[in-house]
Amino acid sequence: MTAELPAVLGQLSEFARELPPESTQQAVGYPSLFLLVALGALVPVVPTGAVVSSAAVVAFHQTAPLALLFVFLVASTAAFVGDVALYWLGRRGVRSKNGSRWLAALRGRAAPDLLAQAQQKLDERGVTVLVLSRLMPAGRVPVMLACLLARMPLHRFVRGDVPACLAWAATYGLIGILGGSLFAEPWQGVVAAVVLTVLVSGAPALWRRLRGAGGSDSQHA
């Protein structure tokens, strides 16, 4: 995957060089942003953080004064809709005798150690842990699964997920603003924002792998 990153970034830069006019960007961009973020919340394989950061870069270079605000509102709303839909589907699996494919998918994406940590933090902090889970890479699914296993009511999950989605959208929007402010051309800012988002998202997983490899070496020694 690391070897393919330069090629992907090259394609992204070529695409971003040919950005359409602002009116077209807004007409196509906001619905696309909503769909991608909502889909990424339902099926956690879409890099939604990079999508929001890229949209923020483009909005930063637009002349419309509320473009960045619209990106923030669309991204946070889409993340909230996706989270609530996934939690509702997961609750159906918890109540069902045979479970559901959504609950099984969540179980498959939550490492046992991360799930145990999420359950402990949920017991200690309650729904406020949802804010941290949204900001931590790979932290959302274990915490959501912990909420499902604790049979947290939907209305309580919603109360904790609103500030979580707002904080998440603001964080990745700021990354996009940073990328947009560093470069004069929008495509350069998009590439910078994507690279920074990938680094932020991948650093914890890399650290866990290195720590796990170090622990295995020490045991063999």
N, C-alpha and C. Protein backbone atom coordinates (compact mmCIF):
# COMPACT_ATOMS: atom_id res chain seq x y z
N MET A 1 0.84 -1.21 0.00
CA MET A 1 0.00 0.00 0.00
C MET A 1 0.87 1.25 0.00
N THR A 2 1.99 1.22 0.73
CA THR A 2 2.90 2.37 0.78
C THR A 2 3.49 2.65 -0.58
N ALA A 3 3.79 1.57 -1.33
CA ALA A 3 4.38 1.74 -2.66
C ALA A 3 3.39 2.36 -3.63
N GLU A 4 2.10 2.16 -3.42
CA GLU A 4 1.09 2.70 -4.32
C GLU A 4 0.73 4.15 -3.99
N LEU A 5 1.14 4.65 -2.82
CA LEU A 5 0.75 5.99 -2.40
C LEU A 5 1.23 7.08 -3.36
N PRO A 6 2.49 7.06 -3.85
CA PRO A 6 2.91 8.10 -4.80
C PRO A 6 2.05 8.13 -6.06
N ALA A 7 1.68 6.95 -6.57
CA ALA A 7 0.85 6.91 -7.78
C ALA A 7 -0.53 7.49 -7.51
N VAL A 8 -1.10 7.16 -6.35
CA VAL A 8 -2.41 7.69 -5.99
C VAL A 8 -2.36 9.20 -5.85
N LEU A 9 -1.32 9.70 -5.19
CA LEU A 9 -1.17 11.14 -5.01
C LEU A 9 -0.98 11.85 -6.35
N GLY A 10 -0.26 11.18 -7.28
CA GLY A 10 -0.07 11.76 -8.60
C GLY A 10 -1.38 11.90 -9.35
N GLN A 11 -2.22 10.85 -9.27
CA GLN A 11 -3.53 10.91 -9.91
C GLN A 11 -4.40 11.98 -9.27
N LEU A 12 -4.32 12.07 -7.94
CA LEU A 12 -5.11 13.07 -7.23
C LEU A 12 -4.71 14.48 -7.62
N SER A 13 -3.42 14.71 -7.75
CA SER A 13 -2.95 16.05 -8.12
C SER A 13 -3.39 16.41 -9.53
N GLU A 14 -3.35 15.42 -10.45
CA GLU A 14 -3.80 15.69 -11.82
C GLU A 14 -5.28 16.02 -11.86
N PHE A 15 -6.06 15.30 -11.05
CA PHE A 15 -7.49 15.56 -10.97
C PHE A 15 -7.77 16.94 -10.37
N ALA A 16 -7.03 17.27 -9.31
CA ALA A 16 -7.28 18.53 -8.62
C ALA A 16 -6.83 19.74 -9.43
N ARG A 17 -5.87 19.55 -10.38
CA ARG A 17 -5.43 20.65 -11.22
C ARG A 17 -6.57 21.18 -12.09
N GLU A 18 -7.50 20.29 -12.44
CA GLU A 18 -8.56 20.64 -13.37
C GLU A 18 -9.89 20.83 -12.63
N LEU A 19 -9.88 21.57 -11.55
CA LEU A 19 -11.09 21.81 -10.78
C LEU A 19 -12.08 22.63 -11.61
N PRO A 20 -13.36 22.28 -11.58
CA PRO A 20 -14.38 23.01 -12.33
C PRO A 20 -14.67 24.36 -11.68
N PRO A 21 -15.50 25.20 -12.31
CA PRO A 21 -15.87 26.49 -11.72
C PRO A 21 -16.55 26.31 -10.37
N GLU A 22 -16.58 27.41 -9.59
CA GLU A 22 -17.12 27.33 -8.23
C GLU A 22 -18.57 26.87 -8.20
N SER A 23 -19.37 27.36 -9.11
CA SER A 23 -20.79 26.97 -9.10
C SER A 23 -20.95 25.47 -9.30
N THR A 24 -20.13 24.90 -10.17
CA THR A 24 -20.18 23.45 -10.40
C THR A 24 -19.64 22.70 -9.20
N GLN A 25 -18.57 23.22 -8.61
CA GLN A 25 -18.02 22.59 -7.41
C GLN A 25 -19.06 22.51 -6.31
N GLN A 26 -19.81 23.57 -6.10
CA GLN A 26 -20.80 23.60 -5.03
C GLN A 26 -21.99 22.70 -5.35
N ALA A 27 -22.43 22.71 -6.61
CA ALA A 27 -23.59 21.90 -6.99
C ALA A 27 -23.30 20.41 -6.90
N VAL A 28 -22.08 20.03 -7.22
CA VAL A 28 -21.70 18.62 -7.20
C VAL A 28 -21.00 18.25 -5.90
N GLY A 29 -20.22 19.19 -5.37
CA GLY A 29 -19.35 18.87 -4.25
C GLY A 29 -20.08 18.58 -2.95
N TYR A 30 -21.06 19.40 -2.59
CA TYR A 30 -21.74 19.20 -1.32
C TYR A 30 -22.53 17.90 -1.26
N PRO A 31 -23.33 17.56 -2.29
CA PRO A 31 -24.00 16.24 -2.25
C PRO A 31 -23.01 15.08 -2.25
N SER A 32 -21.92 15.23 -3.03
CA SER A 32 -20.91 14.16 -3.05
C SER A 32 -20.25 14.01 -1.69
N LEU A 33 -19.95 15.14 -1.05
CA LEU A 33 -19.35 15.11 0.28
C LEU A 33 -20.27 14.41 1.27
N PHE A 34 -21.55 14.73 1.22
CA PHE A 34 -22.51 14.11 2.13
C PHE A 34 -22.56 12.59 1.91
N LEU A 35 -22.68 12.18 0.65
CA LEU A 35 -22.79 10.75 0.35
C LEU A 35 -21.53 9.99 0.76
N LEU A 36 -20.36 10.55 0.48
CA LEU A 36 -19.11 9.86 0.80
C LEU A 36 -18.91 9.73 2.31
N VAL A 37 -19.21 10.79 3.04
CA VAL A 37 -19.03 10.75 4.50
C VAL A 37 -20.05 9.81 5.14
N ALA A 38 -21.31 9.88 4.69
CA ALA A 38 -22.33 8.99 5.24
C ALA A 38 -22.01 7.53 4.91
N LEU A 39 -21.55 7.28 3.68
CA LEU A 39 -21.17 5.92 3.30
C LEU A 39 -19.98 5.45 4.11
N GLY A 40 -19.02 6.34 4.34
CA GLY A 40 -17.86 5.98 5.14
C GLY A 40 -18.21 5.68 6.58
N ALA A 41 -19.25 6.31 7.10
CA ALA A 41 -19.69 6.01 8.46
C ALA A 41 -20.39 4.66 8.52
N LEU A 42 -21.12 4.31 7.47
CA LEU A 42 -21.81 3.02 7.43
C LEU A 42 -20.85 1.88 7.13
N VAL A 43 -19.97 2.09 6.17
CA VAL A 43 -19.00 1.07 5.76
C VAL A 43 -17.62 1.66 5.97
N PRO A 44 -16.98 1.41 7.10
CA PRO A 44 -15.74 2.12 7.46
C PRO A 44 -14.53 1.73 6.62
N VAL A 45 -14.63 1.95 5.30
CA VAL A 45 -13.49 1.70 4.42
C VAL A 45 -13.17 2.95 3.61
N VAL A 46 -14.12 3.91 3.57
CA VAL A 46 -13.89 5.15 2.85
C VAL A 46 -13.11 6.11 3.75
N PRO A 47 -11.98 6.66 3.28
CA PRO A 47 -11.20 7.59 4.12
C PRO A 47 -11.90 8.94 4.24
N THR A 48 -12.91 9.00 5.09
CA THR A 48 -13.76 10.20 5.17
C THR A 48 -12.99 11.42 5.67
N GLY A 49 -12.00 11.22 6.52
CA GLY A 49 -11.21 12.35 6.98
C GLY A 49 -10.52 13.06 5.83
N ALA A 50 -9.94 12.28 4.90
CA ALA A 50 -9.29 12.87 3.74
C ALA A 50 -10.30 13.56 2.83
N VAL A 51 -11.50 13.01 2.74
CA VAL A 51 -12.55 13.62 1.92
C VAL A 51 -12.91 15.00 2.47
N VAL A 52 -13.10 15.08 3.79
CA VAL A 52 -13.46 16.36 4.41
C VAL A 52 -12.32 17.37 4.29
N SER A 53 -11.10 16.93 4.51
CA SER A 53 -9.95 17.83 4.39
C SER A 53 -9.81 18.38 2.98
N SER A 54 -10.00 17.50 1.99
CA SER A 54 -9.91 17.95 0.59
C SER A 54 -11.00 18.94 0.26
N ALA A 55 -12.21 18.68 0.74
CA ALA A 55 -13.31 19.61 0.50
C ALA A 55 -13.04 20.95 1.17
N ALA A 56 -12.43 20.93 2.34
CA ALA A 56 -12.11 22.17 3.04
C ALA A 56 -11.05 22.98 2.29
N VAL A 57 -10.09 22.28 1.69
CA VAL A 57 -9.07 22.98 0.89
C VAL A 57 -9.73 23.72 -0.27
N VAL A 58 -10.60 23.01 -0.99
CA VAL A 58 -11.27 23.63 -2.13
C VAL A 58 -12.13 24.81 -1.67
N ALA A 59 -12.84 24.63 -0.56
CA ALA A 59 -13.68 25.72 -0.04
C ALA A 59 -12.83 26.91 0.41
N PHE A 60 -11.64 26.63 0.93
CA PHE A 60 -10.75 27.71 1.40
C PHE A 60 -10.36 28.63 0.24
N HIS A 61 -10.22 28.07 -0.95
CA HIS A 61 -9.80 28.86 -2.11
C HIS A 61 -10.97 29.44 -2.89
N GLN A 62 -12.20 29.18 -2.43
CA GLN A 62 -13.35 29.75 -3.12
C GLN A 62 -13.63 31.16 -2.60
N THR A 63 -14.35 31.93 -3.41
CA THR A 63 -14.68 33.30 -3.02
C THR A 63 -15.95 33.37 -2.16
N ALA A 64 -16.76 32.32 -2.17
CA ALA A 64 -17.98 32.32 -1.36
C ALA A 64 -17.61 32.38 0.12
N PRO A 65 -18.16 33.34 0.88
CA PRO A 65 -17.74 33.52 2.27
C PRO A 65 -18.15 32.39 3.20
N LEU A 66 -19.19 31.64 2.86
CA LEU A 66 -19.70 30.59 3.74
C LEU A 66 -19.34 29.19 3.26
N ALA A 67 -18.40 29.10 2.32
CA ALA A 67 -18.07 27.80 1.75
C ALA A 67 -17.53 26.83 2.82
N LEU A 68 -16.63 27.33 3.67
CA LEU A 68 -16.07 26.48 4.72
C LEU A 68 -17.13 26.06 5.73
N LEU A 69 -18.04 26.98 6.04
CA LEU A 69 -19.11 26.64 6.96
C LEU A 69 -20.00 25.55 6.39
N PHE A 70 -20.29 25.63 5.10
CA PHE A 70 -21.12 24.61 4.47
C PHE A 70 -20.43 23.25 4.49
N VAL A 71 -19.12 23.23 4.25
CA VAL A 71 -18.38 21.97 4.32
C VAL A 71 -18.48 21.37 5.72
N PHE A 72 -18.32 22.21 6.73
CA PHE A 72 -18.42 21.75 8.12
C PHE A 72 -19.81 21.19 8.42
N LEU A 73 -20.85 21.91 8.01
CA LEU A 73 -22.21 21.48 8.30
C LEU A 73 -22.56 20.20 7.55
N VAL A 74 -22.18 20.12 6.28
CA VAL A 74 -22.49 18.92 5.49
C VAL A 74 -21.74 17.71 6.03
N ALA A 75 -20.45 17.89 6.34
CA ALA A 75 -19.65 16.76 6.83
C ALA A 75 -20.14 16.27 8.18
N SER A 76 -20.41 17.17 9.10
CA SER A 76 -20.85 16.75 10.43
C SER A 76 -22.24 16.11 10.38
N THR A 77 -23.12 16.66 9.55
CA THR A 77 -24.46 16.07 9.42
C THR A 77 -24.39 14.68 8.80
N ALA A 78 -23.58 14.52 7.76
CA ALA A 78 -23.45 13.21 7.11
C ALA A 78 -22.84 12.18 8.07
N ALA A 79 -21.83 12.60 8.84
CA ALA A 79 -21.22 11.69 9.80
C ALA A 79 -22.24 11.26 10.85
N PHE A 80 -23.05 12.21 11.31
CA PHE A 80 -24.07 11.90 12.31
C PHE A 80 -25.12 10.94 11.75
N VAL A 81 -25.60 11.21 10.53
CA VAL A 81 -26.59 10.34 9.91
C VAL A 81 -26.03 8.92 9.73
N GLY A 82 -24.79 8.82 9.27
CA GLY A 82 -24.18 7.51 9.09
C GLY A 82 -23.98 6.77 10.40
N ASP A 83 -23.54 7.49 11.43
CA ASP A 83 -23.35 6.86 12.74
C ASP A 83 -24.67 6.34 13.31
N VAL A 84 -25.69 7.16 13.26
CA VAL A 84 -26.98 6.77 13.83
C VAL A 84 -27.57 5.59 13.06
N ALA A 85 -27.45 5.63 11.73
CA ALA A 85 -27.96 4.51 10.93
C ALA A 85 -27.22 3.22 11.27
N LEU A 86 -25.90 3.29 11.40
CA LEU A 86 -25.13 2.09 11.72
C LEU A 86 -25.46 1.59 13.12
N TYR A 87 -25.64 2.50 14.06
CA TYR A 87 -25.97 2.09 15.42
C TYR A 87 -27.36 1.46 15.46
N TRP A 88 -28.29 2.03 14.72
CA TRP A 88 -29.64 1.46 14.67
C TRP A 88 -29.62 0.07 14.08
N LEU A 89 -28.86 -0.13 13.01
CA LEU A 89 -28.73 -1.45 12.41
C LEU A 89 -28.05 -2.42 13.37
N GLY A 90 -27.03 -1.93 14.10
CA GLY A 90 -26.36 -2.78 15.08
C GLY A 90 -27.27 -3.18 16.22
N ARG A 91 -28.14 -2.26 16.65
CA ARG A 91 -29.10 -2.58 17.73
C ARG A 91 -30.08 -3.67 17.29
N ARG A 92 -30.45 -3.66 16.03
CA ARG A 92 -31.31 -4.73 15.53
C ARG A 92 -30.60 -6.07 15.63
N GLY A 93 -29.30 -6.07 15.38
CA GLY A 93 -28.54 -7.31 15.50
C GLY A 93 -28.41 -7.78 16.93
N VAL A 94 -28.26 -6.82 17.87
CA VAL A 94 -28.15 -7.19 19.28
C VAL A 94 -29.45 -7.83 19.78
N ARG A 95 -30.58 -7.27 19.34
CA ARG A 95 -31.87 -7.79 19.79
C ARG A 95 -32.25 -9.08 19.08
N SER A 96 -31.68 -9.32 17.89
CA SER A 96 -32.02 -10.51 17.12
C SER A 96 -31.28 -11.72 17.65
N LYS A 97 -31.93 -12.87 17.61
CA LYS A 97 -31.29 -14.10 18.08
C LYS A 97 -30.12 -14.49 17.19
N ASN A 98 -30.25 -14.24 15.90
CA ASN A 98 -29.21 -14.61 14.95
C ASN A 98 -28.25 -13.46 14.65
N GLY A 99 -28.46 -12.31 15.28
CA GLY A 99 -27.58 -11.17 15.03
C GLY A 99 -27.86 -10.58 13.67
N SER A 100 -26.92 -9.81 13.14
CA SER A 100 -27.07 -9.21 11.81
C SER A 100 -25.69 -9.07 11.20
N ARG A 101 -25.68 -8.86 9.88
CA ARG A 101 -24.39 -8.72 9.21
C ARG A 101 -23.70 -7.43 9.62
N TRP A 102 -24.48 -6.40 10.00
CA TRP A 102 -23.88 -5.14 10.44
C TRP A 102 -23.17 -5.33 11.78
N LEU A 103 -23.81 -6.05 12.69
CA LEU A 103 -23.18 -6.31 13.98
C LEU A 103 -21.95 -7.20 13.80
N ALA A 104 -22.07 -8.19 12.91
CA ALA A 104 -20.93 -9.07 12.65
C ALA A 104 -19.77 -8.28 12.03
N ALA A 105 -20.11 -7.33 11.15
CA ALA A 105 -19.06 -6.52 10.54
C ALA A 105 -18.35 -5.65 11.57
N LEU A 106 -19.12 -5.11 12.52
CA LEU A 106 -18.51 -4.31 13.58
C LEU A 106 -17.60 -5.18 14.45
N ARG A 107 -18.06 -6.38 14.78
CA ARG A 107 -17.23 -7.28 15.58
C ARG A 107 -15.93 -7.64 14.85
N GLY A 108 -16.05 -7.82 13.54
CA GLY A 108 -14.86 -8.18 12.78
C GLY A 108 -13.84 -7.06 12.66
N ARG A 109 -14.30 -5.82 12.81
CA ARG A 109 -13.39 -4.67 12.68
C ARG A 109 -12.89 -4.15 14.01
N ALA A 110 -13.33 -4.74 15.10
CA ALA A 110 -12.91 -4.29 16.43
C ALA A 110 -11.97 -5.32 17.04
N ALA A 111 -10.71 -4.97 17.17
CA ALA A 111 -9.75 -5.87 17.80
C ALA A 111 -10.15 -6.09 19.27
N PRO A 112 -9.95 -7.31 19.78
CA PRO A 112 -10.38 -7.59 21.16
C PRO A 112 -9.79 -6.64 22.19
N ASP A 113 -8.51 -6.29 22.04
CA ASP A 113 -7.89 -5.40 23.03
C ASP A 113 -8.48 -3.99 22.95
N LEU A 114 -8.77 -3.51 21.72
CA LEU A 114 -9.38 -2.19 21.59
C LEU A 114 -10.81 -2.19 22.11
N LEU A 115 -11.52 -3.30 21.90
CA LEU A 115 -12.88 -3.39 22.42
C LEU A 115 -12.89 -3.37 23.94
N ALA A 116 -11.94 -4.09 24.55
CA ALA A 116 -11.86 -4.10 26.01
C ALA A 116 -11.56 -2.70 26.55
N GLN A 117 -10.65 -1.99 25.88
CA GLN A 117 -10.35 -0.61 26.30
C GLN A 117 -11.56 0.29 26.14
N ALA A 118 -12.30 0.09 25.04
CA ALA A 118 -13.49 0.92 24.79
C ALA A 118 -14.56 0.66 25.85
N GLN A 119 -14.73 -0.58 26.24
CA GLN A 119 -15.73 -0.91 27.27
C GLN A 119 -15.34 -0.30 28.61
N GLN A 120 -14.05 -0.33 28.91
CA GLN A 120 -13.59 0.26 30.17
C GLN A 120 -13.81 1.78 30.17
N LYS A 121 -13.47 2.44 29.06
CA LYS A 121 -13.63 3.89 28.98
C LYS A 121 -15.11 4.27 28.99
N LEU A 122 -15.93 3.42 28.39
CA LEU A 122 -17.37 3.69 28.39
C LEU A 122 -17.93 3.62 29.80
N ASP A 123 -17.46 2.67 30.59
CA ASP A 123 -17.89 2.56 31.98
C ASP A 123 -17.44 3.76 32.81
N GLU A 124 -16.24 4.28 32.49
CA GLU A 124 -15.68 5.37 33.28
C GLU A 124 -16.23 6.73 32.88
N ARG A 125 -16.40 6.96 31.58
CA ARG A 125 -16.72 8.30 31.10
C ARG A 125 -18.11 8.44 30.48
N GLY A 126 -18.79 7.35 30.24
CA GLY A 126 -20.10 7.43 29.63
C GLY A 126 -20.02 7.84 28.16
N VAL A 127 -21.05 8.56 27.70
CA VAL A 127 -21.14 8.88 26.28
C VAL A 127 -20.08 9.88 25.83
N THR A 128 -19.41 10.54 26.75
CA THR A 128 -18.37 11.49 26.33
C THR A 128 -17.22 10.80 25.61
N VAL A 129 -17.09 9.49 25.80
CA VAL A 129 -16.03 8.76 25.12
C VAL A 129 -16.26 8.74 23.62
N LEU A 130 -17.49 8.99 23.17
CA LEU A 130 -17.77 9.02 21.74
C LEU A 130 -17.01 10.15 21.04
N VAL A 131 -16.80 11.26 21.74
CA VAL A 131 -16.04 12.37 21.14
C VAL A 131 -14.62 11.93 20.84
N LEU A 132 -13.98 11.31 21.81
CA LEU A 132 -12.60 10.84 21.62
C LEU A 132 -12.54 9.75 20.57
N SER A 133 -13.56 8.89 20.52
CA SER A 133 -13.54 7.79 19.57
C SER A 133 -13.59 8.29 18.13
N ARG A 134 -14.29 9.39 17.90
CA ARG A 134 -14.38 9.96 16.56
C ARG A 134 -13.07 10.61 16.14
N LEU A 135 -12.33 11.14 17.11
CA LEU A 135 -11.08 11.83 16.80
C LEU A 135 -9.90 10.88 16.71
N MET A 136 -10.01 9.71 17.34
CA MET A 136 -8.90 8.75 17.32
C MET A 136 -9.06 7.81 16.13
N PRO A 137 -8.02 7.66 15.29
CA PRO A 137 -8.10 6.72 14.17
C PRO A 137 -8.42 5.30 14.66
N ALA A 138 -9.35 4.65 13.99
CA ALA A 138 -9.78 3.29 14.32
C ALA A 138 -10.39 3.20 15.71
N GLY A 139 -10.85 4.33 16.25
CA GLY A 139 -11.44 4.30 17.59
C GLY A 139 -12.95 4.28 17.59
N ARG A 140 -13.57 4.64 16.46
CA ARG A 140 -15.03 4.76 16.43
C ARG A 140 -15.73 3.40 16.53
N VAL A 141 -15.27 2.42 15.77
CA VAL A 141 -15.95 1.12 15.73
C VAL A 141 -15.90 0.39 17.07
N PRO A 142 -14.74 0.30 17.75
CA PRO A 142 -14.74 -0.38 19.06
C PRO A 142 -15.67 0.29 20.07
N VAL A 143 -15.71 1.62 20.09
CA VAL A 143 -16.58 2.32 21.05
C VAL A 143 -18.05 2.11 20.68
N MET A 144 -18.36 2.15 19.40
CA MET A 144 -19.75 1.91 19.00
C MET A 144 -20.17 0.49 19.36
N LEU A 145 -19.28 -0.48 19.14
CA LEU A 145 -19.59 -1.86 19.51
C LEU A 145 -19.75 -2.00 21.02
N ALA A 146 -18.92 -1.29 21.78
CA ALA A 146 -19.06 -1.32 23.24
C ALA A 146 -20.41 -0.75 23.66
N CYS A 147 -20.85 0.32 23.00
CA CYS A 147 -22.17 0.89 23.30
C CYS A 147 -23.29 -0.10 22.97
N LEU A 148 -23.13 -0.83 21.86
CA LEU A 148 -24.13 -1.81 21.47
C LEU A 148 -24.19 -2.96 22.48
N LEU A 149 -23.04 -3.45 22.87
CA LEU A 149 -23.00 -4.57 23.82
C LEU A 149 -23.53 -4.14 25.19
N ALA A 150 -23.35 -2.86 25.53
CA ALA A 150 -23.91 -2.35 26.78
C ALA A 150 -25.40 -2.01 26.66
N ARG A 151 -25.96 -2.23 25.46
CA ARG A 151 -27.38 -1.95 25.18
C ARG A 151 -27.75 -0.50 25.51
N MET A 152 -26.87 0.41 25.09
CA MET A 152 -27.14 1.82 25.28
C MET A 152 -28.33 2.24 24.43
N PRO A 153 -29.32 2.94 24.98
CA PRO A 153 -30.47 3.39 24.18
C PRO A 153 -30.03 4.32 23.06
N LEU A 154 -30.81 4.31 21.99
CA LEU A 154 -30.46 5.10 20.81
C LEU A 154 -30.41 6.59 21.15
N HIS A 155 -31.34 7.08 21.96
CA HIS A 155 -31.37 8.51 22.27
C HIS A 155 -30.13 8.94 23.06
N ARG A 156 -29.62 8.04 23.89
CA ARG A 156 -28.40 8.37 24.64
C ARG A 156 -27.19 8.37 23.72
N PHE A 157 -27.15 7.43 22.78
CA PHE A 157 -26.06 7.41 21.80
C PHE A 157 -26.08 8.69 20.96
N VAL A 158 -27.28 9.10 20.55
CA VAL A 158 -27.42 10.32 19.75
C VAL A 158 -26.89 11.53 20.51
N ARG A 159 -27.20 11.61 21.79
CA ARG A 159 -26.75 12.75 22.61
C ARG A 159 -25.23 12.83 22.67
N GLY A 160 -24.56 11.71 22.68
CA GLY A 160 -23.10 11.72 22.70
C GLY A 160 -22.48 11.86 21.33
N ASP A 161 -23.22 11.44 20.29
CA ASP A 161 -22.64 11.44 18.95
C ASP A 161 -22.67 12.82 18.30
N VAL A 162 -23.59 13.68 18.72
CA VAL A 162 -23.68 15.03 18.12
C VAL A 162 -22.38 15.80 18.32
N PRO A 163 -21.88 15.98 19.56
CA PRO A 163 -20.61 16.71 19.71
C PRO A 163 -19.44 15.96 19.09
N ALA A 164 -19.52 14.62 19.04
CA ALA A 164 -18.44 13.84 18.44
C ALA A 164 -18.31 14.16 16.95
N CYS A 165 -19.43 14.20 16.25
CA CYS A 165 -19.40 14.49 14.81
C CYS A 165 -18.99 15.93 14.54
N LEU A 166 -19.43 16.85 15.39
CA LEU A 166 -19.04 18.25 15.23
C LEU A 166 -17.53 18.42 15.42
N ALA A 167 -16.99 17.79 16.45
CA ALA A 167 -15.55 17.89 16.71
C ALA A 167 -14.74 17.23 15.59
N TRP A 168 -15.23 16.11 15.08
CA TRP A 168 -14.54 15.40 14.00
C TRP A 168 -14.50 16.25 12.73
N ALA A 169 -15.65 16.82 12.34
CA ALA A 169 -15.70 17.64 11.14
C ALA A 169 -14.83 18.89 11.28
N ALA A 170 -14.82 19.48 12.47
CA ALA A 170 -13.99 20.66 12.69
C ALA A 170 -12.51 20.32 12.60
N THR A 171 -12.12 19.18 13.15
CA THR A 171 -10.70 18.79 13.14
C THR A 171 -10.18 18.60 11.73
N TYR A 172 -10.90 17.81 10.92
CA TYR A 172 -10.43 17.56 9.56
C TYR A 172 -10.64 18.78 8.67
N GLY A 173 -11.61 19.61 9.00
CA GLY A 173 -11.73 20.86 8.29
C GLY A 173 -10.53 21.77 8.53
N LEU A 174 -10.05 21.80 9.77
CA LEU A 174 -8.85 22.59 10.09
C LEU A 174 -7.62 22.06 9.37
N ILE A 175 -7.53 20.74 9.24
CA ILE A 175 -6.41 20.17 8.47
C ILE A 175 -6.47 20.67 7.03
N GLY A 176 -7.68 20.70 6.47
CA GLY A 176 -7.83 21.21 5.12
C GLY A 176 -7.48 22.69 5.02
N ILE A 177 -7.89 23.48 6.01
CA ILE A 177 -7.55 24.90 6.01
C ILE A 177 -6.04 25.09 6.08
N LEU A 178 -5.38 24.26 6.89
CA LEU A 178 -3.92 24.33 6.98
C LEU A 178 -3.28 24.03 5.64
N GLY A 179 -3.75 22.97 4.98
CA GLY A 179 -3.21 22.64 3.66
C GLY A 179 -3.49 23.73 2.64
N GLY A 180 -4.68 24.33 2.70
CA GLY A 180 -5.01 25.38 1.76
C GLY A 180 -4.23 26.65 1.99
N SER A 181 -3.90 26.94 3.25
CA SER A 181 -3.17 28.17 3.54
C SER A 181 -1.69 28.07 3.22
N LEU A 182 -1.17 26.86 3.14
CA LEU A 182 0.26 26.68 2.88
C LEU A 182 0.60 26.78 1.40
N PHE A 183 -0.38 26.55 0.53
CA PHE A 183 -0.10 26.52 -0.90
C PHE A 183 -1.08 27.43 -1.64
N ALA A 184 -0.58 28.05 -2.71
CA ALA A 184 -1.40 28.98 -3.48
C ALA A 184 -2.39 28.24 -4.37
N GLU A 185 -2.01 27.07 -4.86
CA GLU A 185 -2.88 26.31 -5.76
C GLU A 185 -3.73 25.32 -4.96
N PRO A 186 -5.03 25.21 -5.28
CA PRO A 186 -5.89 24.29 -4.55
C PRO A 186 -5.43 22.84 -4.63
N TRP A 187 -4.95 22.40 -5.80
CA TRP A 187 -4.55 21.00 -5.94
C TRP A 187 -3.37 20.67 -5.02
N GLN A 188 -2.47 21.64 -4.82
CA GLN A 188 -1.35 21.41 -3.91
C GLN A 188 -1.84 21.26 -2.47
N GLY A 189 -2.81 22.10 -2.10
CA GLY A 189 -3.37 22.00 -0.76
C GLY A 189 -4.12 20.70 -0.55
N VAL A 190 -4.82 20.21 -1.59
CA VAL A 190 -5.53 18.93 -1.49
C VAL A 190 -4.55 17.79 -1.24
N VAL A 191 -3.47 17.77 -2.02
CA VAL A 191 -2.46 16.72 -1.84
C VAL A 191 -1.85 16.78 -0.44
N ALA A 192 -1.53 18.00 0.01
CA ALA A 192 -0.94 18.15 1.35
C ALA A 192 -1.92 17.70 2.43
N ALA A 193 -3.20 18.05 2.29
CA ALA A 193 -4.20 17.66 3.28
C ALA A 193 -4.39 16.15 3.31
N VAL A 194 -4.39 15.52 2.13
CA VAL A 194 -4.55 14.06 2.08
C VAL A 194 -3.36 13.37 2.72
N VAL A 195 -2.15 13.84 2.41
CA VAL A 195 -0.95 13.24 3.01
C VAL A 195 -0.98 13.38 4.52
N LEU A 196 -1.33 14.57 5.01
CA LEU A 196 -1.38 14.79 6.45
C LEU A 196 -2.45 13.92 7.10
N THR A 197 -3.59 13.78 6.44
CA THR A 197 -4.66 12.95 6.99
C THR A 197 -4.26 11.50 7.04
N VAL A 198 -3.59 11.01 5.99
CA VAL A 198 -3.12 9.62 5.97
C VAL A 198 -2.11 9.38 7.08
N LEU A 199 -1.21 10.34 7.28
CA LEU A 199 -0.21 10.19 8.34
C LEU A 199 -0.87 10.17 9.72
N VAL A 200 -1.84 11.06 9.94
CA VAL A 200 -2.54 11.10 11.22
C VAL A 200 -3.32 9.82 11.46
N SER A 201 -3.96 9.30 10.40
CA SER A 201 -4.78 8.11 10.54
C SER A 201 -3.95 6.84 10.68
N GLY A 202 -2.80 6.81 10.03
CA GLY A 202 -2.01 5.59 10.03
C GLY A 202 -1.00 5.48 11.15
N ALA A 203 -0.68 6.59 11.81
CA ALA A 203 0.35 6.56 12.85
C ALA A 203 0.00 5.64 14.01
N PRO A 204 -1.22 5.69 14.57
CA PRO A 204 -1.53 4.79 15.70
C PRO A 204 -1.44 3.32 15.35
N ALA A 205 -1.93 2.94 14.15
CA ALA A 205 -1.86 1.53 13.74
C ALA A 205 -0.41 1.08 13.58
N LEU A 206 0.42 1.96 13.00
CA LEU A 206 1.83 1.63 12.85
C LEU A 206 2.50 1.48 14.20
N TRP A 207 2.15 2.36 15.14
CA TRP A 207 2.73 2.28 16.47
C TRP A 207 2.35 0.99 17.18
N ARG A 208 1.08 0.57 17.01
CA ARG A 208 0.65 -0.69 17.64
C ARG A 208 1.39 -1.87 17.04
N ARG A 209 1.63 -1.84 15.72
CA ARG A 209 2.36 -2.94 15.09
C ARG A 209 3.79 -3.00 15.58
N LEU A 210 4.44 -1.83 15.66
CA LEU A 210 5.82 -1.80 16.13
C LEU A 210 5.91 -2.24 17.58
N ARG A 211 4.96 -1.82 18.40
CA ARG A 211 4.96 -2.22 19.80
C ARG A 211 4.70 -3.70 19.95
N GLY A 212 3.77 -4.23 19.09
CA GLY A 212 3.50 -5.67 19.14
C GLY A 212 4.70 -6.48 18.67
N ALA A 213 5.39 -5.98 17.64
CA ALA A 213 6.59 -6.69 17.16
C ALA A 213 7.69 -6.66 18.21
N GLY A 214 7.81 -5.51 18.90
CA GLY A 214 8.81 -5.43 19.96
C GLY A 214 8.52 -6.36 21.10
N GLY A 215 7.23 -6.50 21.45
CA GLY A 215 6.85 -7.42 22.52
C GLY A 215 7.11 -8.85 22.15
N SER A 216 6.87 -9.21 20.88
CA SER A 216 7.10 -10.57 20.44
C SER A 216 8.60 -10.90 20.45
N ASP A 217 9.43 -9.94 20.02
CA ASP A 217 10.88 -10.17 20.04
C ASP A 217 11.39 -10.38 21.44
N SER A 218 10.86 -9.58 22.40
CA SER A 218 11.34 -9.71 23.77
C SER A 218 10.94 -11.05 24.36
N GLN A 219 9.75 -11.56 23.96
CA GLN A 219 9.33 -12.86 24.48
C GLN A 219 10.19 -13.98 23.92
N HIS A 220 10.54 -13.86 22.64
CA HIS A 220 11.38 -14.90 22.04
C HIS A 220 12.79 -14.87 22.64
N ALA A 221 13.25 -13.67 22.99
CA ALA A 221 14.58 -13.56 23.58
C ALA A 221 14.61 -14.19 24.95
